[in-house]
C-alpha atoms as a PDB file:
ATOM      1  CA  UNK A   1      -8.048  24.899   6.692  1.00  0.00           C
ATOM      2  CA  UNK A   2      -6.715  24.492  10.211  1.00  0.00           C
ATOM      3  CA  UNK A   3      -3.170  23.047   9.928  1.00  0.00           C
ATOM      4  CA  UNK A   4      -3.672  21.218  13.229  1.00  0.00           C
ATOM      5  CA  UNK A   5      -6.961  19.593  12.201  1.00  0.00           C
ATOM      6  CA  UNK A   6      -6.702  15.830  11.721  1.00  0.00           C
ATOM      7  CA  UNK A   7      -6.615  14.403   8.245  1.00  0.00           C
ATOM      8  CA  UNK A   8      -8.672  11.369   7.409  1.00  0.00           C
ATOM      9  CA  UNK A   9      -6.441   9.955   4.673  1.00  0.00           C
ATOM     10  CA  UNK A  10      -2.786   9.017   4.409  1.00  0.00           C
ATOM     11  CA  UNK A  11      -0.493   8.022   1.539  1.00  0.00           C
ATOM     12  CA  UNK A  12       1.884   5.227   2.558  1.00  0.00           C
ATOM     13  CA  UNK A  13       5.019   4.192   0.724  1.00  0.00           C
ATOM     14  CA  UNK A  14       8.021   2.013   1.379  1.00  0.00           C
ATOM     15  CA  UNK A  15      10.042   4.232  -0.953  1.00  0.00           C
ATOM     16  CA  UNK A  16      11.994   6.403   1.504  1.00  0.00           C
ATOM     17  CA  UNK A  17      13.142   9.071  -0.991  1.00  0.00           C
ATOM     18  CA  UNK A  18       9.584   9.448  -2.332  1.00  0.00           C
ATOM     19  CA  UNK A  19       8.237   9.850   1.212  1.00  0.00           C
ATOM     20  CA  UNK A  20      10.860  12.532   1.960  1.00  0.00           C
ATOM     21  CA  UNK A  21      10.099  14.506  -1.209  1.00  0.00           C
ATOM     22  CA  UNK A  22       6.332  14.370  -0.692  1.00  0.00           C
ATOM     23  CA  UNK A  23       6.595  15.281   2.996  1.00  0.00           C
ATOM     24  CA  UNK A  24       8.817  18.229   2.124  1.00  0.00           C
ATOM     25  CA  UNK A  25       6.370  19.451  -0.519  1.00  0.00           C
ATOM     26  CA  UNK A  26       3.406  19.045   1.850  1.00  0.00           C
ATOM     27  CA  UNK A  27       5.043  20.399   5.016  1.00  0.00           C
ATOM     28  CA  UNK A  28       3.180  23.729   5.055  1.00  0.00           C
ATOM     29  CA  UNK A  29      -0.382  22.341   5.253  1.00  0.00           C
ATOM     30  CA  UNK A  30       0.458  20.605   8.532  1.00  0.00           C
ATOM     31  CA  UNK A  31       2.396  18.012  10.441  1.00  0.00           C
ATOM     32  CA  UNK A  32       5.611  18.574   8.531  1.00  0.00           C
ATOM     33  CA  UNK A  33       4.104  16.590   5.674  1.00  0.00           C
ATOM     34  CA  UNK A  34       3.703  13.520   7.892  1.00  0.00           C
ATOM     35  CA  UNK A  35       0.019  14.295   8.225  1.00  0.00           C
ATOM     36  CA  UNK A  36      -0.516  13.275   4.596  1.00  0.00           C
ATOM     37  CA  UNK A  37       2.438  11.013   3.743  1.00  0.00           C
ATOM     38  CA  UNK A  38       4.107   8.375   5.886  1.00  0.00           C
ATOM     39  CA  UNK A  39       6.594   5.606   5.439  1.00  0.00           C
ATOM     40  CA  UNK A  40       5.059   2.142   5.689  1.00  0.00           C
ATOM     41  CA  UNK A  41       7.512   0.968   8.346  1.00  0.00           C
ATOM     42  CA  UNK A  42       6.943   4.068  10.485  1.00  0.00           C
ATOM     43  CA  UNK A  43       3.165   3.759  10.191  1.00  0.00           C
ATOM     44  CA  UNK A  44       3.125   0.097  11.149  1.00  0.00           C
ATOM     45  CA  UNK A  45       5.565   0.770  13.985  1.00  0.00           C
ATOM     46  CA  UNK A  46       3.177   3.371  15.377  1.00  0.00           C
ATOM     47  CA  UNK A  47       0.064   1.186  15.443  1.00  0.00           C
ATOM     48  CA  UNK A  48       0.887  -2.535  15.298  1.00  0.00           C
ATOM     49  CA  UNK A  49       2.644  -2.930  18.680  1.00  0.00           C
ATOM     50  CA  UNK A  50      -0.222  -1.149  20.468  1.00  0.00           C
ATOM     51  CA  UNK A  51      -3.535  -2.893  19.890  1.00  0.00           C
ATOM     52  CA  UNK A  52      -5.280  -0.097  21.824  1.00  0.00           C
ATOM     53  CA  UNK A  53      -4.048   2.573  19.407  1.00  0.00           C
ATOM     54  CA  UNK A  54      -6.452   3.176  16.528  1.00  0.00           C
ATOM     55  CA  UNK A  55      -5.294   4.857  13.312  1.00  0.00           C
ATOM     56  CA  UNK A  56      -7.209   8.121  12.802  1.00  0.00           C
ATOM     57  CA  UNK A  57      -7.384   7.780   9.019  1.00  0.00           C
ATOM     58  CA  UNK A  58     -10.345   6.214   7.254  1.00  0.00           C
ATOM     59  CA  UNK A  59      -8.560   6.095   3.897  1.00  0.00           C
ATOM     60  CA  UNK A  60      -5.180   4.412   3.525  1.00  0.00           C
ATOM     61  CA  UNK A  61      -3.420   4.534   0.156  1.00  0.00           C
ATOM     62  CA  UNK A  62      -0.609   1.973  -0.036  1.00  0.00           C
ATOM     63  CA  UNK A  63       1.810   2.700  -2.881  1.00  0.00           C
ATOM     64  CA  UNK A  64       3.414  -0.228  -4.733  1.00  0.00           C
ATOM     65  CA  UNK A  65       1.373  -2.725  -2.747  1.00  0.00           C
ATOM     66  CA  UNK A  66       2.567  -5.628  -4.882  1.00  0.00           C
ATOM     67  CA  UNK A  67       5.880  -5.147  -3.068  1.00  0.00           C
ATOM     68  CA  UNK A  68       4.409  -5.626   0.413  1.00  0.00           C
ATOM     69  CA  UNK A  69       6.667  -7.518   2.795  1.00  0.00           C
ATOM     70  CA  UNK A  70       6.171 -11.118   3.826  1.00  0.00           C
ATOM     71  CA  UNK A  71       5.951 -12.117   7.488  1.00  0.00           C
ATOM     72  CA  UNK A  72       9.603 -13.191   7.376  1.00  0.00           C
ATOM     73  CA  UNK A  73      10.687  -9.745   6.209  1.00  0.00           C
ATOM     74  CA  UNK A  74       8.530  -8.086   8.892  1.00  0.00           C
ATOM     75  CA  UNK A  75      10.328 -10.240  11.476  1.00  0.00           C
ATOM     76  CA  UNK A  76      13.687  -9.031  10.113  1.00  0.00           C
ATOM     77  CA  UNK A  77      12.635  -5.353   9.919  1.00  0.00           C
ATOM     78  CA  UNK A  78      10.973  -5.273  13.362  1.00  0.00           C
ATOM     79  CA  UNK A  79      13.142  -7.483  15.600  1.00  0.00           C
ATOM     80  CA  UNK A  80      11.744  -5.763  18.697  1.00  0.00           C
ATOM     81  CA  UNK A  81       8.171  -6.902  17.999  1.00  0.00           C
ATOM     82  CA  UNK A  82       6.792  -9.862  19.899  1.00  0.00           C
ATOM     83  CA  UNK A  83       6.250 -13.015  17.797  1.00  0.00           C
ATOM     84  CA  UNK A  84       2.440 -12.723  17.962  1.00  0.00           C
ATOM     85  CA  UNK A  85       2.649  -9.439  15.986  1.00  0.00           C
ATOM     86  CA  UNK A  86       4.588 -10.917  13.081  1.00  0.00           C
ATOM     87  CA  UNK A  87       2.437 -11.183   9.958  1.00  0.00           C
ATOM     88  CA  UNK A  88       2.735 -10.000   6.384  1.00  0.00           C
ATOM     89  CA  UNK A  89       2.231  -6.303   5.661  1.00  0.00           C
ATOM     90  CA  UNK A  90      -1.115  -7.029   3.958  1.00  0.00           C
ATOM     91  CA  UNK A  91      -2.342  -8.836   7.078  1.00  0.00           C
ATOM     92  CA  UNK A  92      -1.146  -5.998   9.296  1.00  0.00           C
ATOM     93  CA  UNK A  93      -2.913  -3.374   7.175  1.00  0.00           C
ATOM     94  CA  UNK A  94      -6.145  -5.374   7.022  1.00  0.00           C
ATOM     95  CA  UNK A  95      -6.036  -5.611  10.818  1.00  0.00           C
ATOM     96  CA  UNK A  96      -5.448  -1.846  11.160  1.00  0.00           C
ATOM     97  CA  UNK A  97      -8.400  -1.155   8.869  1.00  0.00           C
ATOM     98  CA  UNK A  98     -10.609  -3.457  10.924  1.00  0.00           C
ATOM     99  CA  UNK A  99      -9.605  -1.536  14.085  1.00  0.00           C
ATOM    100  CA  UNK A 100     -10.841   1.714  12.583  1.00  0.00           C
ATOM    101  CA  UNK A 101     -14.337   2.504  13.855  1.00  0.00           C
ATOM    102  CA  UNK A 102     -17.238   2.925  11.438  1.00  0.00           C
ATOM    103  CA  UNK A 103     -15.427   2.404   8.129  1.00  0.00           C
ATOM    104  CA  UNK A 104     -12.068   2.219   6.424  1.00  0.00           C
ATOM    105  CA  UNK A 105     -11.007   2.022   2.793  1.00  0.00           C
ATOM    106  CA  UNK A 106      -7.666   0.580   1.788  1.00  0.00           C
ATOM    107  CA  UNK A 107      -6.510   1.552  -1.700  1.00  0.00           C
ATOM    108  CA  UNK A 108      -3.597  -0.535  -2.893  1.00  0.00           C
ATOM    109  CA  UNK A 109      -1.759   0.814  -5.906  1.00  0.00           C
ATOM    110  CA  UNK A 110      -0.147  -2.054  -7.777  1.00  0.00           C
ATOM    111  CA  UNK A 111       2.263  -2.506 -10.620  1.00  0.00           C
ATOM    112  CA  UNK A 112       3.271  -5.680 -12.350  1.00  0.00           C
ATOM    113  CA  UNK A 113       6.628  -7.389 -12.281  1.00  0.00           C
ATOM    114  CA  UNK A 114       8.083  -5.104  -9.631  1.00  0.00           C
ATOM    115  CA  UNK A 115       8.549  -7.602  -6.806  1.00  0.00           C
ATOM    116  CA  UNK A 116      12.293  -7.033  -6.913  1.00  0.00           C
ATOM    117  CA  UNK A 117      13.609  -7.381  -3.380  1.00  0.00           C
ATOM    118  CA  UNK A 118      13.821 -10.167  -0.830  1.00  0.00           C
ATOM    119  CA  UNK A 119      10.560 -10.428   1.086  1.00  0.00           C
ATOM    120  CA  UNK A 120       8.457  -9.105  -1.813  1.00  0.00           C
ATOM    121  CA  UNK A 121       8.275 -12.299  -3.878  1.00  0.00           C
ATOM    122  CA  UNK A 122       4.741 -13.236  -2.857  1.00  0.00           C
ATOM    123  CA  UNK A 123       3.196 -10.188  -4.564  1.00  0.00           C
ATOM    124  CA  UNK A 124      -0.581  -9.889  -4.695  1.00  0.00           C
ATOM    125  CA  UNK A 125      -1.187 -13.418  -3.375  1.00  0.00           C
ATOM    126  CA  UNK A 126      -0.381 -11.989   0.073  1.00  0.00           C
ATOM    127  CA  UNK A 127      -3.324  -9.587  -0.219  1.00  0.00           C
ATOM    128  CA  UNK A 128      -5.721 -12.409  -1.048  1.00  0.00           C
ATOM    129  CA  UNK A 129      -4.480 -14.458   1.914  1.00  0.00           C
ATOM    130  CA  UNK A 130      -4.727 -11.428   4.205  1.00  0.00           C
ATOM    131  CA  UNK A 131      -8.336 -10.844   3.196  1.00  0.00           C
ATOM    132  CA  UNK A 132      -9.190 -14.523   3.649  1.00  0.00           C
ATOM    133  CA  UNK A 133      -7.624 -14.476   7.149  1.00  0.00           C
ATOM    134  CA  UNK A 134      -9.340 -11.213   8.155  1.00  0.00           C
ATOM    135  CA  UNK A 135     -11.504 -11.273  11.277  1.00  0.00           C
ATOM    136  CA  UNK A 136     -14.477 -10.267   9.155  1.00  0.00           C
ATOM    137  CA  UNK A 137     -13.626 -11.191   5.570  1.00  0.00           C
ATOM    138  CA  UNK A 138     -17.302 -10.924   4.593  1.00  0.00           C
ATOM    139  CA  UNK A 139     -17.089  -7.130   5.039  1.00  0.00           C
ATOM    140  CA  UNK A 140     -14.399  -6.759   2.393  1.00  0.00           C
ATOM    141  CA  UNK A 141     -14.834  -6.247  -1.349  1.00  0.00           C
ATOM    142  CA  UNK A 142     -11.960  -6.162  -3.806  1.00  0.00           C
ATOM    143  CA  UNK A 143     -12.467  -3.615  -6.588  1.00  0.00           C
ATOM    144  CA  UNK A 144      -9.805  -4.176  -9.239  1.00  0.00           C
ATOM    145  CA  UNK A 145      -9.085  -4.336 -12.949  1.00  0.00           C
ATOM    146  CA  UNK A 146      -9.737  -7.688 -14.606  1.00  0.00           C
ATOM    147  CA  UNK A 147      -5.980  -8.143 -15.057  1.00  0.00           C
ATOM    148  CA  UNK A 148      -5.673  -9.244 -11.415  1.00  0.00           C
ATOM    149  CA  UNK A 149      -8.776 -11.455 -11.447  1.00  0.00           C
ATOM    150  CA  UNK A 150      -6.723 -14.698 -11.488  1.00  0.00           C
ATOM    151  CA  UNK A 151      -5.236 -13.763  -8.105  1.00  0.00           C
ATOM    152  CA  UNK A 152      -8.553 -13.118  -6.352  1.00  0.00           C
ATOM    153  CA  UNK A 153     -11.133 -15.177  -8.293  1.00  0.00           C
ATOM    154  CA  UNK A 154     -12.722 -18.121  -6.539  1.00  0.00           C
ATOM    155  CA  UNK A 155     -11.988 -16.869  -3.052  1.00  0.00           C
ATOM    156  CA  UNK A 156     -14.462 -16.073  -0.291  1.00  0.00           C
ATOM    157  CA  UNK A 157     -14.028 -12.292  -0.593  1.00  0.00           C
ATOM    158  CA  UNK A 158     -16.441 -10.385  -2.851  1.00  0.00           C
ATOM    159  CA  UNK A 159     -14.885  -9.020  -6.015  1.00  0.00           C
ATOM    160  CA  UNK A 160     -15.809  -6.392  -8.577  1.00  0.00           C
ATOM    161  CA  UNK A 161     -13.853  -6.102 -11.831  1.00  0.00           C
ATOM    162  CA  UNK A 162     -13.664  -2.712 -13.489  1.00  0.00           C
ATOM    163  CA  UNK A 163     -11.436  -1.969 -16.515  1.00  0.00           C
ATOM    164  CA  UNK A 164     -11.262   1.719 -15.532  1.00  0.00           C
ATOM    165  CA  UNK A 165      -9.128   0.706 -12.538  1.00  0.00           C
ATOM    166  CA  UNK A 166      -6.297  -0.442 -14.806  1.00  0.00           C
ATOM    167  CA  UNK A 167      -4.016   2.572 -14.716  1.00  0.00           C
ATOM    168  CA  UNK A 168      -1.857   1.657 -17.669  1.00  0.00           C
ATOM    169  CA  UNK A 169      -0.507   5.088 -18.621  1.00  0.00           C
ATOM    170  CA  UNK A 170       2.991   5.652 -17.339  1.00  0.00           C
ATOM    171  CA  UNK A 171       3.595   9.110 -15.927  1.00  0.00           C
ATOM    172  CA  UNK A 172       7.148   8.400 -14.903  1.00  0.00           C
ATOM    173  CA  UNK A 173       8.478   8.211 -18.450  1.00  0.00           C
ATOM    174  CA  UNK A 174       5.938  10.253 -20.412  1.00  0.00           C
ATOM    175  CA  UNK A 175       8.673  12.543 -21.753  1.00  0.00           C
ATOM    176  CA  UNK A 176      10.720   9.563 -22.914  1.00  0.00           C
ATOM    177  CA  UNK A 177       7.937   7.618 -24.642  1.00  0.00           C
ATOM    178  CA  UNK A 178       9.724   7.788 -28.000  1.00  0.00           C
ATOM    179  CA  UNK A 179      13.278   7.920 -26.723  1.00  0.00           C
ATOM    180  CA  UNK A 180      13.975   4.476 -28.182  1.00  0.00           C
ATOM    181  CA  UNK A 181      13.157   5.831 -31.673  1.00  0.00           C
ATOM    182  CA  UNK A 182      15.640   8.676 -31.200  1.00  0.00           C
ATOM    183  CA  UNK A 183      18.367   6.272 -30.044  1.00  0.00           C
ATOM    184  CA  UNK A 184      17.672   3.971 -32.980  1.00  0.00           C
ATOM    185  CA  UNK A 185      17.926   6.938 -35.390  1.00  0.00           C
ATOM    186  CA  UNK A 186      21.245   8.015 -33.913  1.00  0.00           C
ATOM    187  CA  UNK A 187      22.662   4.505 -34.144  1.00  0.00           C
ATOM    188  CA  UNK A 188      21.738   4.075 -37.819  1.00  0.00           C
END
């Protein structure tokens, strides 16, 4: 593989330490790791202010998308942007996808109950609103587990419910799955 060849997918996260670790681990294949992993703020800052600039990726993977920022938080995080650019992160990403020629897939990885900071309170409802406000909402289809059906059902955007999309196995704590039993045994 040519390390200078463009990639057609990018992993986006608002978790700065995660972005740093992944970029470090992926620095050798090209772009100092930024070819494959980018911070959400950096990515939006590259493309949103310049309507003529088209993202090269056809696949965007947005990590922890339930924590996407509201328009108010975007205004606070990007005070240099003109008022006409201020929208929620979901709306900004939908717009970037619609700028991409031919096709674009946006994969949003979601968790439940993790809207923990100011500007994240709207959760998945923001994604529904963004799709409804899209220039061409008829082109979009939401593929999701049935657990999020109440958020998207009844809207104008096509939906497809698939139980296989419910990623309910935690990898973060797989070594500590029975830690509570150990603690309970020690305390008895």
